[in-house]
Amino acid sequence: RTKQDSKALSKGLLEGTIDFDTSDNIPLDIEEKRLEFDHALSGTLGME
């Protein structure tokens, strides 16, 4: 989302309103990303 959203999320995380962050790690076969934007699957690696 927007920069304003990102700043609010960071602030909420530090203040404890947001309890924890996560990598939301979602591995996907690269062919599931090599599609038109509308048809590609959602998700990104994040742990590393």
All heavy atoms as atom14 arrays in JSON, in Angstrom:
{
  "sequence": "RTKQDSKALSKGLLEGTIDFDTSDNIPLDIEEKRLEFDHALSGTLGME",
  "atom14_mask": [
    [1, 1, 1, 1, 1, 1, 1, 1, 1, 1, 1, 0, 0, 0],
    [1, 1, 1, 1, 1, 1, 1, 0, 0, 0, 0, 0, 0, 0],
    [1, 1, 1, 1, 1, 1, 1, 1, 1, 0, 0, 0, 0, 0],
    [1, 1, 1, 1, 1, 1, 1, 1, 1, 0, 0, 0, 0, 0],
    [1, 1, 1, 1, 1, 1, 1, 1, 0, 0, 0, 0, 0, 0],
    [1, 1, 1, 1, 1, 1, 0, 0, 0, 0, 0, 0, 0, 0],
    [1, 1, 1, 1, 1, 1, 1, 1, 1, 0, 0, 0, 0, 0],
    [1, 1, 1, 1, 1, 0, 0, 0, 0, 0, 0, 0, 0, 0],
    [1, 1, 1, 1, 1, 1, 1, 1, 0, 0, 0, 0, 0, 0],
    [1, 1, 1, 1, 1, 1, 0, 0, 0, 0, 0, 0, 0, 0],
    [1, 1, 1, 1, 1, 1, 1, 1, 1, 0, 0, 0, 0, 0],
    [1, 1, 1, 1, 0, 0, 0, 0, 0, 0, 0, 0, 0, 0],
    [1, 1, 1, 1, 1, 1, 1, 1, 0, 0, 0, 0, 0, 0],
    [1, 1, 1, 1, 1, 1, 1, 1, 0, 0, 0, 0, 0, 0],
    [1, 1, 1, 1, 1, 1, 1, 1, 1, 0, 0, 0, 0, 0],
    [1, 1, 1, 1, 0, 0, 0, 0, 0, 0, 0, 0, 0, 0],
    [1, 1, 1, 1, 1, 1, 1, 0, 0, 0, 0, 0, 0, 0],
    [1, 1, 1, 1, 1, 1, 1, 1, 0, 0, 0, 0, 0, 0],
    [1, 1, 1, 1, 1, 1, 1, 1, 0, 0, 0, 0, 0, 0],
    [1, 1, 1, 1, 1, 1, 1, 1, 1, 1, 1, 0, 0, 0],
    [1, 1, 1, 1, 1, 1, 1, 1, 0, 0, 0, 0, 0, 0],
    [1, 1, 1, 1, 1, 1, 1, 0, 0, 0, 0, 0, 0, 0],
    [1, 1, 1, 1, 1, 1, 0, 0, 0, 0, 0, 0, 0, 0],
    [1, 1, 1, 1, 1, 1, 1, 1, 0, 0, 0, 0, 0, 0],
    [1, 1, 1, 1, 1, 1, 1, 1, 0, 0, 0, 0, 0, 0],
    [1, 1, 1, 1, 1, 1, 1, 1, 0, 0, 0, 0, 0, 0],
    [1, 1, 1, 1, 1, 1, 1, 0, 0, 0, 0, 0, 0, 0],
    [1, 1, 1, 1, 1, 1, 1, 1, 0, 0, 0, 0, 0, 0],
    [1, 1, 1, 1, 1, 1, 1, 1, 0, 0, 0, 0, 0, 0],
    [1, 1, 1, 1, 1, 1, 1, 1, 0, 0, 0, 0, 0, 0],
    [1, 1, 1, 1, 1, 1, 1, 1, 1, 0, 0, 0, 0, 0],
    [1, 1, 1, 1, 1, 1, 1, 1, 1, 0, 0, 0, 0, 0],
    [1, 1, 1, 1, 1, 1, 1, 1, 1, 0, 0, 0, 0, 0],
    [1, 1, 1, 1, 1, 1, 1, 1, 1, 1, 1, 0, 0, 0],
    [1, 1, 1, 1, 1, 1, 1, 1, 0, 0, 0, 0, 0, 0],
    [1, 1, 1, 1, 1, 1, 1, 1, 1, 0, 0, 0, 0, 0],
    [1, 1, 1, 1, 1, 1, 1, 1, 1, 1, 1, 0, 0, 0],
    [1, 1, 1, 1, 1, 1, 1, 1, 0, 0, 0, 0, 0, 0],
    [1, 1, 1, 1, 1, 1, 1, 1, 1, 1, 0, 0, 0, 0],
    [1, 1, 1, 1, 1, 0, 0, 0, 0, 0, 0, 0, 0, 0],
    [1, 1, 1, 1, 1, 1, 1, 1, 0, 0, 0, 0, 0, 0],
    [1, 1, 1, 1, 1, 1, 0, 0, 0, 0, 0, 0, 0, 0],
    [1, 1, 1, 1, 0, 0, 0, 0, 0, 0, 0, 0, 0, 0],
    [1, 1, 1, 1, 1, 1, 1, 0, 0, 0, 0, 0, 0, 0],
    [1, 1, 1, 1, 1, 1, 1, 1, 0, 0, 0, 0, 0, 0],
    [1, 1, 1, 1, 0, 0, 0, 0, 0, 0, 0, 0, 0, 0],
    [1, 1, 1, 1, 1, 1, 1, 1, 0, 0, 0, 0, 0, 0],
    [1, 1, 1, 1, 1, 1, 1, 1, 1, 0, 0, 0, 0, 0]
  ],
  "atom14_positions": [
    [[0.84, -1.21, 0.0], [0.0, 0.0, 0.0], [0.87, 1.26, 0.0], [1.99, 1.23, -0.52], [-0.97, -0.05, 1.18], [-1.94, -1.26, 1.07], [-3.2, -1.05, 1.87], [-4.04, -2.24, 1.88], [-4.96, -2.53, 0.98], [-5.16, -1.73, -0.05], [-5.7, -3.64, 1.08], [0.0, 0.0, 0.0], [0.0, 0.0, 0.0], [0.0, 0.0, 0.0]],
    [[0.38, 2.37, 0.52], [1.05, 3.66, 0.35], [2.14, 3.89, 1.4], [2.24, 3.15, 2.39], [0.03, 4.8, 0.46], [-0.48, 4.83, 1.81], [-1.13, 4.6, -0.51], [0.0, 0.0, 0.0], [0.0, 0.0, 0.0], [0.0, 0.0, 0.0], [0.0, 0.0, 0.0], [0.0, 0.0, 0.0], [0.0, 0.0, 0.0], [0.0, 0.0, 0.0]],
    [[2.92, 4.94, 1.2], [3.94, 5.3, 2.18], [3.31, 5.64, 3.53], [3.88, 5.34, 4.58], [4.76, 6.49, 1.66], [5.65, 6.16, 0.49], [6.44, 7.37, 0.02], [7.33, 7.02, -1.17], [8.08, 8.2, -1.68], [0.0, 0.0, 0.0], [0.0, 0.0, 0.0], [0.0, 0.0, 0.0], [0.0, 0.0, 0.0], [0.0, 0.0, 0.0]],
    [[2.16, 6.29, 3.49], [1.47, 6.63, 4.74], [1.06, 5.36, 5.5], [1.18, 5.29, 6.73], [0.23, 7.48, 4.44], [0.52, 8.89, 3.94], [0.99, 8.95, 2.5], [0.75, 8.0, 1.73], [1.66, 10.03, 2.13], [0.0, 0.0, 0.0], [0.0, 0.0, 0.0], [0.0, 0.0, 0.0], [0.0, 0.0, 0.0], [0.0, 0.0, 0.0]],
    [[0.59, 4.36, 4.76], [0.24, 3.09, 5.4], [1.48, 2.44, 6.0], [1.45, 1.95, 7.14], [-0.39, 2.14, 4.37], [-1.78, 2.57, 3.96], [-2.61, 2.87, 4.83], [-2.04, 2.62, 2.74], [0.0, 0.0, 0.0], [0.0, 0.0, 0.0], [0.0, 0.0, 0.0], [0.0, 0.0, 0.0], [0.0, 0.0, 0.0], [0.0, 0.0, 0.0]],
    [[2.57, 2.42, 5.24], [3.8, 1.79, 5.71], [4.31, 2.46, 6.99], [4.73, 1.77, 7.93], [4.86, 1.87, 4.6], [6.05, 1.25, 5.02], [0.0, 0.0, 0.0], [0.0, 0.0, 0.0], [0.0, 0.0, 0.0], [0.0, 0.0, 0.0], [0.0, 0.0, 0.0], [0.0, 0.0, 0.0], [0.0, 0.0, 0.0], [0.0, 0.0, 0.0]],
    [[4.26, 3.78, 7.02], [4.7, 4.5, 8.22], [3.81, 4.19, 9.42], [4.3, 4.0, 10.54], [4.69, 6.01, 7.95], [5.81, 6.5, 7.03], [5.72, 8.0, 6.8], [6.82, 8.48, 5.86], [6.7, 9.95, 5.59], [0.0, 0.0, 0.0], [0.0, 0.0, 0.0], [0.0, 0.0, 0.0], [0.0, 0.0, 0.0], [0.0, 0.0, 0.0]],
    [[2.51, 4.11, 9.2], [1.58, 3.79, 10.29], [1.8, 2.37, 10.81], [1.71, 2.11, 12.01], [0.14, 3.96, 9.81], [0.0, 0.0, 0.0], [0.0, 0.0, 0.0], [0.0, 0.0, 0.0], [0.0, 0.0, 0.0], [0.0, 0.0, 0.0], [0.0, 0.0, 0.0], [0.0, 0.0, 0.0], [0.0, 0.0, 0.0], [0.0, 0.0, 0.0]],
    [[2.11, 1.44, 9.9], [2.38, 0.07, 10.3], [3.65, -0.02, 11.13], [3.69, -0.71, 12.16], [2.51, -0.82, 9.06], [1.23, -1.02, 8.24], [1.56, -1.63, 6.88], [0.23, -1.9, 8.97], [0.0, 0.0, 0.0], [0.0, 0.0, 0.0], [0.0, 0.0, 0.0], [0.0, 0.0, 0.0], [0.0, 0.0, 0.0], [0.0, 0.0, 0.0]],
    [[4.69, 0.7, 10.71], [5.95, 0.7, 11.47], [5.74, 1.29, 12.86], [6.23, 0.74, 13.86], [7.02, 1.49, 10.72], [7.35, 0.86, 9.5], [0.0, 0.0, 0.0], [0.0, 0.0, 0.0], [0.0, 0.0, 0.0], [0.0, 0.0, 0.0], [0.0, 0.0, 0.0], [0.0, 0.0, 0.0], [0.0, 0.0, 0.0], [0.0, 0.0, 0.0]],
    [[5.01, 2.38, 12.93], [4.73, 3.01, 14.21], [3.91, 2.09, 15.1], [4.19, 1.92, 16.3], [4.0, 4.33, 14.0], [3.72, 5.1, 15.3], [3.0, 6.41, 15.02], [2.69, 7.15, 16.32], [1.93, 8.4, 16.07], [0.0, 0.0, 0.0], [0.0, 0.0, 0.0], [0.0, 0.0, 0.0], [0.0, 0.0, 0.0], [0.0, 0.0, 0.0]],
    [[2.89, 1.45, 14.52], [2.05, 0.54, 15.28], [2.82, -0.66, 15.81], [2.54, -1.16, 16.9], [0.0, 0.0, 0.0], [0.0, 0.0, 0.0], [0.0, 0.0, 0.0], [0.0, 0.0, 0.0], [0.0, 0.0, 0.0], [0.0, 0.0, 0.0], [0.0, 0.0, 0.0], [0.0, 0.0, 0.0], [0.0, 0.0, 0.0], [0.0, 0.0, 0.0]],
    [[3.8, -1.1, 15.04], [4.63, -2.22, 15.47], [5.5, -1.84, 16.65], [5.58, -2.57, 17.65], [5.49, -2.66, 14.29], [6.22, -4.0, 14.36], [5.27, -5.15, 14.65], [6.98, -4.25, 13.05], [0.0, 0.0, 0.0], [0.0, 0.0, 0.0], [0.0, 0.0, 0.0], [0.0, 0.0, 0.0], [0.0, 0.0, 0.0], [0.0, 0.0, 0.0]],
    [[6.14, -0.69, 16.58], [7.0, -0.24, 17.68], [6.2, 0.04, 18.95], [6.66, -0.21, 20.06], [7.78, 1.01, 17.27], [8.92, 0.8, 16.27], [9.57, 2.14, 15.92], [9.97, -0.16, 16.82], [0.0, 0.0, 0.0], [0.0, 0.0, 0.0], [0.0, 0.0, 0.0], [0.0, 0.0, 0.0], [0.0, 0.0, 0.0], [0.0, 0.0, 0.0]],
    [[4.98, 0.57, 18.77], [4.17, 0.92, 19.94], [3.45, -0.29, 20.53], [2.92, -0.2, 21.63], [3.15, 1.99, 19.54], [3.78, 3.33, 19.21], [2.75, 4.37, 18.77], [1.59, 3.97, 18.47], [3.1, 5.56, 18.73], [0.0, 0.0, 0.0], [0.0, 0.0, 0.0], [0.0, 0.0, 0.0], [0.0, 0.0, 0.0], [0.0, 0.0, 0.0]],
    [[3.42, -1.4, 19.81], [2.8, -2.61, 20.32], [1.36, -2.83, 19.91], [0.76, -3.85, 20.29], [0.0, 0.0, 0.0], [0.0, 0.0, 0.0], [0.0, 0.0, 0.0], [0.0, 0.0, 0.0], [0.0, 0.0, 0.0], [0.0, 0.0, 0.0], [0.0, 0.0, 0.0], [0.0, 0.0, 0.0], [0.0, 0.0, 0.0], [0.0, 0.0, 0.0]],
    [[0.78, -1.9, 19.15], [-0.57, -2.15, 18.63], [-0.54, -3.36, 17.71], [-1.42, -4.23, 17.77], [-1.09, -0.91, 17.86], [-1.14, 0.2, 18.75], [-2.47, -1.18, 17.29], [0.0, 0.0, 0.0], [0.0, 0.0, 0.0], [0.0, 0.0, 0.0], [0.0, 0.0, 0.0], [0.0, 0.0, 0.0], [0.0, 0.0, 0.0], [0.0, 0.0, 0.0]],
    [[0.47, -3.41, 16.84], [0.73, -4.61, 16.03], [1.64, -5.49, 16.87], [2.72, -5.06, 17.28], [1.37, -4.25, 14.69], [0.45, -3.32, 13.89], [1.66, -5.51, 13.88], [1.05, -2.8, 12.6], [0.0, 0.0, 0.0], [0.0, 0.0, 0.0], [0.0, 0.0, 0.0], [0.0, 0.0, 0.0], [0.0, 0.0, 0.0], [0.0, 0.0, 0.0]],
    [[1.23, -6.71, 17.1], [1.93, -7.56, 18.06], [3.25, -8.1, 17.55], [4.21, -8.21, 18.31], [1.02, -8.71, 18.48], [-0.23, -8.21, 19.17], [-1.21, -7.89, 18.45], [-0.22, -8.1, 20.4], [0.0, 0.0, 0.0], [0.0, 0.0, 0.0], [0.0, 0.0, 0.0], [0.0, 0.0, 0.0], [0.0, 0.0, 0.0], [0.0, 0.0, 0.0]],
    [[3.32, -8.46, 16.27], [4.57, -8.97, 15.75], [4.61, -8.85, 14.23], [3.59, -8.72, 13.57], [4.84, -10.44, 16.14], [3.62, -11.2, 16.55], [2.76, -11.73, 15.59], [3.32, -11.38, 17.88], [1.64, -12.44, 15.98], [2.18, -12.08, 18.27], [1.35, -12.61, 17.32], [0.0, 0.0, 0.0], [0.0, 0.0, 0.0], [0.0, 0.0, 0.0]],
    [[5.86, -8.86, 13.72], [6.06, -8.88, 12.29], [6.26, -10.32, 11.83], [6.43, -11.23, 12.65], [7.27, -8.04, 11.88], [8.52, -8.45, 12.65], [8.75, -9.66, 12.83], [9.28, -7.56, 13.06], [0.0, 0.0, 0.0], [0.0, 0.0, 0.0], [0.0, 0.0, 0.0], [0.0, 0.0, 0.0], [0.0, 0.0, 0.0], [0.0, 0.0, 0.0]],
    [[6.24, -10.54, 10.55], [6.43, -11.88, 9.99], [7.01, -11.77, 8.59], [6.8, -10.77, 7.9], [5.1, -12.65, 9.94], [5.3, -13.89, 9.25], [4.02, -11.86, 9.21], [0.0, 0.0, 0.0], [0.0, 0.0, 0.0], [0.0, 0.0, 0.0], [0.0, 0.0, 0.0], [0.0, 0.0, 0.0], [0.0, 0.0, 0.0], [0.0, 0.0, 0.0]],
    [[7.72, -12.8, 8.18], [8.2, -12.84, 6.79], [7.06, -13.1, 5.82], [7.14, -12.76, 4.66], [9.25, -13.94, 6.63], [8.66, -15.22, 6.72], [0.0, 0.0, 0.0], [0.0, 0.0, 0.0], [0.0, 0.0, 0.0], [0.0, 0.0, 0.0], [0.0, 0.0, 0.0], [0.0, 0.0, 0.0], [0.0, 0.0, 0.0], [0.0, 0.0, 0.0]],
    [[5.96, -13.7, 6.31], [4.86, -14.16, 5.45], [5.43, -14.89, 4.24], [5.06, -14.65, 3.09], [3.98, -12.99, 5.01], [2.58, -13.44, 4.59], [2.12, -14.49, 5.08], [1.94, -12.75, 3.77], [0.0, 0.0, 0.0], [0.0, 0.0, 0.0], [0.0, 0.0, 0.0], [0.0, 0.0, 0.0], [0.0, 0.0, 0.0], [0.0, 0.0, 0.0]],
    [[6.33, -15.82, 4.53], [7.1, -16.54, 3.52], [6.21, -17.49, 2.71], [5.61, -18.41, 3.26], [8.19, -17.34, 4.24], [9.13, -18.03, 3.29], [10.02, -17.4, 2.72], [8.95, -19.33, 3.12], [0.0, 0.0, 0.0], [0.0, 0.0, 0.0], [0.0, 0.0, 0.0], [0.0, 0.0, 0.0], [0.0, 0.0, 0.0], [0.0, 0.0, 0.0]],
    [[6.12, -17.24, 1.39], [5.3, -18.08, 0.52], [6.13, -18.48, -0.7], [6.23, -17.72, -1.67], [4.01, -17.37, 0.07], [3.19, -16.92, 1.29], [3.17, -18.27, -0.83], [1.93, -16.15, 0.95], [0.0, 0.0, 0.0], [0.0, 0.0, 0.0], [0.0, 0.0, 0.0], [0.0, 0.0, 0.0], [0.0, 0.0, 0.0], [0.0, 0.0, 0.0]],
    [[6.75, -19.66, -0.68], [7.49, -20.11, -1.86], [6.55, -20.51, -2.99], [5.52, -21.15, -2.76], [8.27, -21.33, -1.35], [7.48, -21.82, -0.18], [6.82, -20.63, 0.43], [0.0, 0.0, 0.0], [0.0, 0.0, 0.0], [0.0, 0.0, 0.0], [0.0, 0.0, 0.0], [0.0, 0.0, 0.0], [0.0, 0.0, 0.0], [0.0, 0.0, 0.0]],
    [[6.9, -20.11, -4.2], [6.09, -20.44, -5.39], [7.01, -20.82, -6.53], [8.1, -20.25, -6.69], [5.24, -19.24, -5.82], [4.15, -18.76, -4.85], [3.57, -17.43, -5.32], [3.05, -19.8, -4.7], [0.0, 0.0, 0.0], [0.0, 0.0, 0.0], [0.0, 0.0, 0.0], [0.0, 0.0, 0.0], [0.0, 0.0, 0.0], [0.0, 0.0, 0.0]],
    [[6.57, -21.77, -7.33], [7.3, -22.11, -8.55], [7.39, -20.86, -9.41], [6.41, -20.11, -9.56], [6.55, -23.22, -9.3], [7.35, -23.76, -10.48], [7.61, -22.98, -11.41], [7.7, -24.94, -10.45], [0.0, 0.0, 0.0], [0.0, 0.0, 0.0], [0.0, 0.0, 0.0], [0.0, 0.0, 0.0], [0.0, 0.0, 0.0], [0.0, 0.0, 0.0]],
    [[8.57, -20.6, -9.95], [8.78, -19.36, -10.7], [7.82, -19.23, -11.88], [7.44, -18.11, -12.28], [10.24, -19.24, -11.18], [10.59, -17.79, -11.52], [10.51, -20.19, -12.33], [10.55, -16.85, -10.35], [0.0, 0.0, 0.0], [0.0, 0.0, 0.0], [0.0, 0.0, 0.0], [0.0, 0.0, 0.0], [0.0, 0.0, 0.0], [0.0, 0.0, 0.0]],
    [[7.35, -20.36, -12.41], [6.4, -20.3, -13.53], [5.05, -19.75, -13.08], [4.27, -19.27, -13.91], [6.22, -21.69, -14.15], [7.49, -22.27, -14.78], [8.09, -21.35, -15.84], [7.31, -20.74, -16.59], [9.33, -21.24, -15.91], [0.0, 0.0, 0.0], [0.0, 0.0, 0.0], [0.0, 0.0, 0.0], [0.0, 0.0, 0.0], [0.0, 0.0, 0.0]],
    [[4.78, -19.82, -11.77], [3.54, -19.26, -11.23], [3.63, -17.74, -11.09], [2.63, -17.08, -10.81], [3.22, -19.91, -9.88], [2.94, -21.4, -10.01], [2.87, -22.12, -8.68], [3.74, -21.87, -7.82], [1.96, -22.95, -8.5], [0.0, 0.0, 0.0], [0.0, 0.0, 0.0], [0.0, 0.0, 0.0], [0.0, 0.0, 0.0], [0.0, 0.0, 0.0]],
    [[4.83, -17.21, -11.3], [5.03, -15.76, -11.3], [5.23, -15.21, -12.72], [5.02, -14.03, -12.96], [6.26, -15.41, -10.45], [6.01, -15.46, -8.94], [5.12, -14.32, -8.5], [5.02, -14.21, -6.99], [4.15, -13.09, -6.56], [0.0, 0.0, 0.0], [0.0, 0.0, 0.0], [0.0, 0.0, 0.0], [0.0, 0.0, 0.0], [0.0, 0.0, 0.0]],
    [[5.65, -16.07, -13.64], [5.92, -15.63, -15.02], [4.64, -15.63, -15.83], [4.5, -16.32, -16.85], [6.97, -16.53, -15.66], [8.36, -16.32, -15.08], [9.36, -17.29, -15.64], [10.7, -17.05, -15.13], [11.7, -17.92, -15.19], [11.5, -19.1, -15.76], [12.89, -17.62, -14.7], [0.0, 0.0, 0.0], [0.0, 0.0, 0.0], [0.0, 0.0, 0.0]],
    [[3.68, -14.87, -15.36], [2.37, -14.75, -16.0], [1.98, -13.27, -16.02], [2.64, -12.43, -15.4], [1.33, -15.55, -15.2], [1.55, -17.07, -15.08], [0.6, -17.65, -14.03], [1.33, -17.75, -16.42], [0.0, 0.0, 0.0], [0.0, 0.0, 0.0], [0.0, 0.0, 0.0], [0.0, 0.0, 0.0], [0.0, 0.0, 0.0], [0.0, 0.0, 0.0]],
    [[0.91, -12.96, -16.74], [0.38, -11.6, -16.66], [0.03, -11.29, -15.21], [-0.33, -12.19, -14.44], [-0.87, -11.49, -17.54], [-0.59, -11.62, -19.03], [-1.87, -11.51, -19.85], [-2.95, -11.37, -19.24], [-1.78, -11.59, -21.08], [0.0, 0.0, 0.0], [0.0, 0.0, 0.0], [0.0, 0.0, 0.0], [0.0, 0.0, 0.0], [0.0, 0.0, 0.0]],
    [[0.11, -10.02, -14.86], [-0.05, -9.63, -13.46], [-1.37, -10.15, -12.88], [-1.43, -10.62, -11.74], [0.01, -8.1, -13.33], [0.44, -7.65, -11.97], [1.76, -7.34, -11.68], [-0.49, -7.53, -10.94], [2.15, -6.93, -10.42], [-0.11, -7.12, -9.67], [1.22, -6.82, -9.41], [0.0, 0.0, 0.0], [0.0, 0.0, 0.0], [0.0, 0.0, 0.0]],
    [[-2.44, -10.08, -13.66], [-3.75, -10.53, -13.18], [-3.76, -12.01, -12.82], [-4.52, -12.43, -11.94], [-4.83, -10.27, -14.24], [-5.21, -8.8, -14.33], [-4.76, -8.03, -13.47], [-5.95, -8.44, -15.27], [0.0, 0.0, 0.0], [0.0, 0.0, 0.0], [0.0, 0.0, 0.0], [0.0, 0.0, 0.0], [0.0, 0.0, 0.0], [0.0, 0.0, 0.0]],
    [[-2.93, -12.81, -13.5], [-2.99, -14.26, -13.35], [-1.88, -14.84, -12.48], [-1.99, -16.0, -12.05], [-2.96, -14.92, -14.73], [-4.09, -14.49, -15.62], [-5.41, -14.8, -15.36], [-4.1, -13.75, -16.77], [-6.19, -14.29, -16.3], [-5.42, -13.65, -17.17], [0.0, 0.0, 0.0], [0.0, 0.0, 0.0], [0.0, 0.0, 0.0], [0.0, 0.0, 0.0]],
    [[-0.83, -14.07, -12.22], [0.27, -14.56, -11.37], [-0.23, -14.77, -9.94], [-1.12, -14.06, -9.47], [1.42, -13.57, -11.39], [0.0, 0.0, 0.0], [0.0, 0.0, 0.0], [0.0, 0.0, 0.0], [0.0, 0.0, 0.0], [0.0, 0.0, 0.0], [0.0, 0.0, 0.0], [0.0, 0.0, 0.0], [0.0, 0.0, 0.0], [0.0, 0.0, 0.0]],
    [[0.34, -15.76, -9.26], [-0.03, -16.01, -7.88], [0.6, -14.96, -6.97], [1.65, -14.4, -7.26], [0.42, -17.41, -7.45], [-0.26, -18.59, -8.14], [0.18, -19.9, -7.49], [-1.78, -18.46, -8.12], [0.0, 0.0, 0.0], [0.0, 0.0, 0.0], [0.0, 0.0, 0.0], [0.0, 0.0, 0.0], [0.0, 0.0, 0.0], [0.0, 0.0, 0.0]],
    [[-0.05, -14.72, -5.84], [0.44, -13.76, -4.85], [1.37, -14.46, -3.88], [1.12, -15.6, -3.47], [-0.72, -13.15, -4.08], [-1.55, -12.38, -4.91], [0.0, 0.0, 0.0], [0.0, 0.0, 0.0], [0.0, 0.0, 0.0], [0.0, 0.0, 0.0], [0.0, 0.0, 0.0], [0.0, 0.0, 0.0], [0.0, 0.0, 0.0], [0.0, 0.0, 0.0]],
    [[2.44, -13.77, -3.5], [3.33, -14.31, -2.48], [4.78, -14.05, -2.79], [5.19, -13.95, -3.96], [0.0, 0.0, 0.0], [0.0, 0.0, 0.0], [0.0, 0.0, 0.0], [0.0, 0.0, 0.0], [0.0, 0.0, 0.0], [0.0, 0.0, 0.0], [0.0, 0.0, 0.0], [0.0, 0.0, 0.0], [0.0, 0.0, 0.0], [0.0, 0.0, 0.0]],
    [[5.59, -13.95, -1.74], [7.02, -13.76, -1.88], [7.76, -14.54, -0.81], [7.23, -14.79, 0.28], [7.39, -12.26, -1.76], [8.81, -12.1, -1.92], [7.01, -11.71, -0.39], [0.0, 0.0, 0.0], [0.0, 0.0, 0.0], [0.0, 0.0, 0.0], [0.0, 0.0, 0.0], [0.0, 0.0, 0.0], [0.0, 0.0, 0.0], [0.0, 0.0, 0.0]],
    [[8.99, -14.94, -1.11], [9.87, -15.44, -0.07], [10.21, -14.29, 0.86], [10.21, -13.13, 0.45], [11.16, -16.0, -0.67], [11.04, -17.21, -1.6], [12.42, -17.58, -2.15], [10.42, -18.39, -0.88], [0.0, 0.0, 0.0], [0.0, 0.0, 0.0], [0.0, 0.0, 0.0], [0.0, 0.0, 0.0], [0.0, 0.0, 0.0], [0.0, 0.0, 0.0]],
    [[10.54, -14.61, 2.11], [10.86, -13.52, 3.03], [11.76, -13.88, 4.19], [12.33, -12.99, 4.83], [0.0, 0.0, 0.0], [0.0, 0.0, 0.0], [0.0, 0.0, 0.0], [0.0, 0.0, 0.0], [0.0, 0.0, 0.0], [0.0, 0.0, 0.0], [0.0, 0.0, 0.0], [0.0, 0.0, 0.0], [0.0, 0.0, 0.0], [0.0, 0.0, 0.0]],
    [[11.94, -15.16, 4.47], [12.72, -15.53, 5.66], [14.18, -15.11, 5.54], [14.76, -14.55, 6.48], [12.63, -17.03, 5.92], [11.3, -17.49, 6.47], [11.34, -19.19, 7.12], [11.71, -20.13, 5.63], [0.0, 0.0, 0.0], [0.0, 0.0, 0.0], [0.0, 0.0, 0.0], [0.0, 0.0, 0.0], [0.0, 0.0, 0.0], [0.0, 0.0, 0.0]],
    [[14.8, -15.39, 4.39], [16.23, -15.15, 4.26], [16.6, -13.67, 4.22], [17.74, -13.3, 4.5], [16.74, -15.87, 3.01], [16.72, -17.38, 3.17], [16.71, -18.12, 1.85], [15.79, -17.9, 1.04], [17.62, -18.93, 1.63], [0.0, 0.0, 0.0], [0.0, 0.0, 0.0], [0.0, 0.0, 0.0], [0.0, 0.0, 0.0], [0.0, 0.0, 0.0]]
  ]
}
